[in-house]
Protein backbone atom coordinates (compact mmCIF):
# COMPACT_ATOMS: atom_id res chain seq x y z
CA UNK A 1 -38.71 39.42 -100.45
CA UNK A 2 -39.39 42.77 -99.28
CA UNK A 3 -42.09 43.33 -96.25
CA UNK A 4 -43.83 45.92 -98.23
CA UNK A 5 -45.18 43.87 -101.49
CA UNK A 6 -45.75 40.59 -98.67
CA UNK A 7 -48.02 43.35 -97.41
CA UNK A 8 -51.09 43.11 -100.26
CA UNK A 9 -53.43 41.78 -98.53
CA UNK A 10 -55.16 43.23 -95.67
CA UNK A 11 -54.61 40.86 -93.00
CA UNK A 12 -58.44 41.81 -91.42
CA UNK A 13 -59.40 40.94 -94.77
CA UNK A 14 -58.06 36.70 -94.40
CA UNK A 15 -59.44 36.88 -90.46
CA UNK A 16 -62.76 37.96 -92.38
CA UNK A 17 -62.13 34.17 -94.86
CA UNK A 18 -60.68 31.75 -92.79
CA UNK A 19 -64.35 29.86 -90.98
CA UNK A 20 -64.84 27.12 -88.69
CA UNK A 21 -65.56 23.29 -90.65
CA UNK A 22 -65.59 19.88 -89.28
CA UNK A 23 -63.41 21.11 -86.87
CA UNK A 24 -61.17 22.73 -89.22
CA UNK A 25 -59.92 26.88 -89.52
CA UNK A 26 -60.26 26.78 -93.59
CA UNK A 27 -60.80 29.32 -96.56
CA UNK A 28 -62.82 28.58 -99.78
CA UNK A 29 -61.08 28.23 -103.02
CA UNK A 30 -63.32 31.39 -103.74
CA UNK A 31 -61.90 34.01 -101.34
CA UNK A 32 -58.03 31.75 -101.98
CA UNK A 33 -58.89 32.53 -105.49
CA UNK A 34 -59.40 36.32 -104.67
CA UNK A 35 -57.18 37.04 -102.94
CA UNK A 36 -54.17 35.78 -105.20
CA UNK A 37 -56.09 37.73 -107.59
CA UNK A 38 -56.93 34.96 -109.93
CA UNK A 39 -60.26 33.45 -110.87
CA UNK A 40 -61.77 30.36 -108.52
CA UNK A 41 -62.03 28.03 -111.27
CA UNK A 42 -58.17 28.39 -112.57
CA UNK A 43 -56.96 28.11 -108.69
CA UNK A 44 -59.14 24.90 -108.99
CA UNK A 45 -57.53 23.37 -112.33
CA UNK A 46 -53.81 24.20 -110.68
CA UNK A 47 -54.87 21.84 -107.95
CA UNK A 48 -56.56 19.30 -109.73
CA UNK A 49 -53.15 18.86 -111.84
CA UNK A 50 -51.76 18.39 -108.68
CA UNK A 51 -54.20 16.56 -106.51
CA UNK A 52 -51.52 13.96 -105.47
CA UNK A 53 -51.00 16.82 -103.27
CA UNK A 54 -53.73 17.82 -101.57
CA UNK A 55 -54.80 15.00 -99.69
CA UNK A 56 -58.32 15.39 -97.67
CA UNK A 57 -56.73 17.21 -94.19
CA UNK A 58 -55.80 19.79 -96.52
CA UNK A 59 -58.40 19.82 -98.67
CA UNK A 60 -62.22 19.16 -98.32
CA UNK A 61 -65.16 19.84 -101.13
CA UNK A 62 -68.17 20.63 -98.76
CA UNK A 63 -70.96 18.45 -98.60
CA UNK A 64 -74.18 19.42 -99.41
CA UNK A 65 -76.29 20.48 -96.54
CA UNK A 66 -72.92 22.43 -95.49
CA UNK A 67 -72.60 24.27 -98.72
CA UNK A 68 -76.67 25.00 -97.90
CA UNK A 69 -75.55 26.18 -94.48
CA UNK A 70 -72.92 28.23 -95.86
CA UNK A 71 -75.24 29.81 -98.41
CA UNK A 72 -77.81 31.27 -95.96
CA UNK A 73 -75.57 32.61 -93.90
CA UNK A 74 -74.00 34.57 -97.07
CA UNK A 75 -77.58 35.02 -98.87
CA UNK A 76 -77.54 34.57 -102.46
CA UNK A 77 -79.34 35.42 -105.37
CA UNK A 78 -81.43 32.79 -106.83
CA UNK A 79 -80.57 33.34 -110.25
CA UNK A 80 -76.73 33.17 -110.01
CA UNK A 81 -73.60 32.16 -107.96
CA UNK A 82 -72.76 28.86 -107.74
CA UNK A 83 -73.93 25.51 -108.51
CA UNK A 84 -72.01 23.07 -106.38
CA UNK A 85 -70.14 22.77 -103.06
CA UNK A 86 -67.34 24.58 -102.52
CA UNK A 87 -64.00 23.37 -101.97
CA UNK A 88 -62.78 24.15 -98.76
CA UNK A 89 -58.10 24.61 -97.77
CA UNK A 90 -57.05 23.99 -94.61
CA UNK A 91 -54.08 26.11 -93.15
CA UNK A 92 -51.54 23.02 -94.64
CA UNK A 93 -53.60 23.36 -98.10
CA UNK A 94 -53.04 26.84 -98.23
CA UNK A 95 -49.51 26.28 -97.97
CA UNK A 96 -49.34 23.75 -100.53
CA UNK A 97 -50.96 26.29 -102.33
CA UNK A 98 -47.75 27.66 -102.12
CA UNK A 99 -46.12 24.99 -104.62
CA UNK A 100 -49.06 24.50 -107.19
CA UNK A 101 -49.54 28.49 -107.60
CA UNK A 102 -46.80 30.28 -108.58
CA UNK A 103 -47.18 33.94 -109.73
CA UNK A 104 -45.82 37.40 -107.65
CA UNK A 105 -49.55 37.90 -106.18
CA UNK A 106 -50.24 34.11 -105.38
CA UNK A 107 -46.54 33.84 -103.78
CA UNK A 108 -47.43 37.52 -101.25
CA UNK A 109 -50.70 36.36 -101.09
CA UNK A 110 -49.43 32.93 -99.27
CA UNK A 111 -47.67 34.95 -97.60
CA UNK A 112 -49.88 37.01 -95.55
CA UNK A 113 -52.55 34.38 -95.57
CA UNK A 114 -49.94 32.15 -93.25
CA UNK A 115 -48.93 35.14 -91.77
CA UNK A 116 -52.34 34.80 -89.97
CA UNK A 117 -52.99 31.44 -89.62
CA UNK A 118 -50.27 31.28 -87.23
CA UNK A 119 -50.97 34.83 -85.50
CA UNK A 120 -55.09 33.45 -84.65
CA UNK A 121 -53.04 30.08 -83.36
CA UNK A 122 -51.18 32.88 -81.67
CA UNK A 123 -53.99 34.49 -80.12
CA UNK A 124 -55.54 31.53 -79.46
CA UNK A 125 -53.31 29.78 -77.63
CA UNK A 126 -52.52 33.12 -75.71
CA UNK A 127 -56.85 32.94 -74.55
CA UNK A 128 -56.72 29.57 -73.78
CA UNK A 129 -53.27 30.14 -70.97
CA UNK A 130 -54.83 32.98 -70.03
CA UNK A 131 -58.36 30.98 -69.10
CA UNK A 132 -56.46 28.27 -67.63
CA UNK A 133 -54.42 31.54 -65.26
CA UNK A 134 -57.32 33.02 -63.86
CA UNK A 135 -59.01 29.19 -63.27
CA UNK A 136 -56.27 28.22 -61.50
CA UNK A 137 -56.20 31.36 -59.46
CA UNK A 138 -59.67 31.08 -58.71
CA UNK A 139 -59.09 27.78 -57.28
CA UNK A 140 -56.15 28.86 -55.47
CA UNK A 141 -58.44 32.05 -53.55
CA UNK A 142 -62.24 30.47 -53.46
CA UNK A 143 -61.64 30.49 -49.99
CA UNK A 144 -60.28 33.91 -49.54
CA UNK A 145 -63.00 35.45 -51.88
CA UNK A 146 -66.04 33.62 -50.27
CA UNK A 147 -64.87 35.43 -46.12
CA UNK A 148 -64.84 38.54 -48.38
CA UNK A 149 -68.15 38.57 -50.02
CA UNK A 150 -69.29 37.75 -46.75
CA UNK A 151 -67.85 40.32 -44.98
CA UNK A 152 -69.47 42.33 -47.88
CA UNK A 153 -72.82 41.10 -47.62
CA UNK A 154 -73.05 41.70 -43.97
CA UNK A 155 -71.77 45.13 -44.79
CA UNK A 156 -74.32 45.85 -47.15
CA UNK A 157 -77.58 44.25 -44.74
CA UNK A 158 -75.49 46.25 -41.98
CA UNK A 159 -76.00 49.43 -43.32
CA UNK A 160 -79.41 49.35 -44.62
CA UNK A 161 -80.89 48.95 -40.97
CA UNK A 162 -82.60 51.80 -39.59
CA UNK A 163 -79.91 53.45 -37.31
CA UNK A 164 -80.85 54.29 -33.44
CA UNK A 165 -80.72 58.16 -33.14
CA UNK A 166 -78.62 59.28 -29.98
CA UNK A 167 -78.97 62.36 -28.16
CA UNK A 168 -82.54 64.08 -26.90
CA UNK A 169 -85.75 65.14 -29.00
CA UNK A 170 -87.34 67.66 -28.73
CA UNK A 171 -91.18 67.05 -28.36
CA UNK A 172 -91.19 68.30 -32.17
CA UNK A 173 -89.04 65.24 -32.88
CA UNK A 174 -90.43 62.54 -30.83
CA UNK A 175 -94.02 63.27 -32.64
CA UNK A 176 -92.83 63.52 -35.91
CA UNK A 177 -90.74 59.63 -35.48
CA UNK A 178 -94.23 58.40 -33.90
CA UNK A 179 -96.20 59.35 -36.81
CA UNK A 180 -93.60 58.12 -39.40
CA UNK A 181 -94.02 55.13 -38.03
CA UNK A 182 -97.51 54.38 -37.41
CA UNK A 183 -97.97 55.90 -41.35
CA UNK A 184 -95.26 52.46 -42.32
CA UNK A 185 -97.69 50.09 -40.36
């Protein structure tokens, strides 16, 4: 399939659809249906006809607490919206949907979603590796950084002390200097 036909779903839209629930990155059924260009009801019918393909680690239904929390985050009207908790699909569940939904749009959307999951995983791995490298450098150079910060703090303290003046003073300068010292006390 050519690359241009696959990019019918913007990756930003997919990123916004990925949620973190029960320690899994998931996409809700209604978001998948919108990405696939179908109704949520039809998507779930196709899933239920093939329920053996969707074990608990591929798809799960949110409990009432999770559902209420989700509703409070996405503010829905009191007269409309869902009456039952949505289903959440993990990355493997989204992959399995490709064997259940066969329209060209669903296939293209599925490819885009899978690529987004891969990019997200790469970003997380890269950030984790960067965090570990920084921590390693902090441990390795801790003593040297302490020395540098100690020297810098001594320099700042030294700069804040009044400097003694060198040279000759006129009577007027001495008088002003004494008067300034007296007014400070």
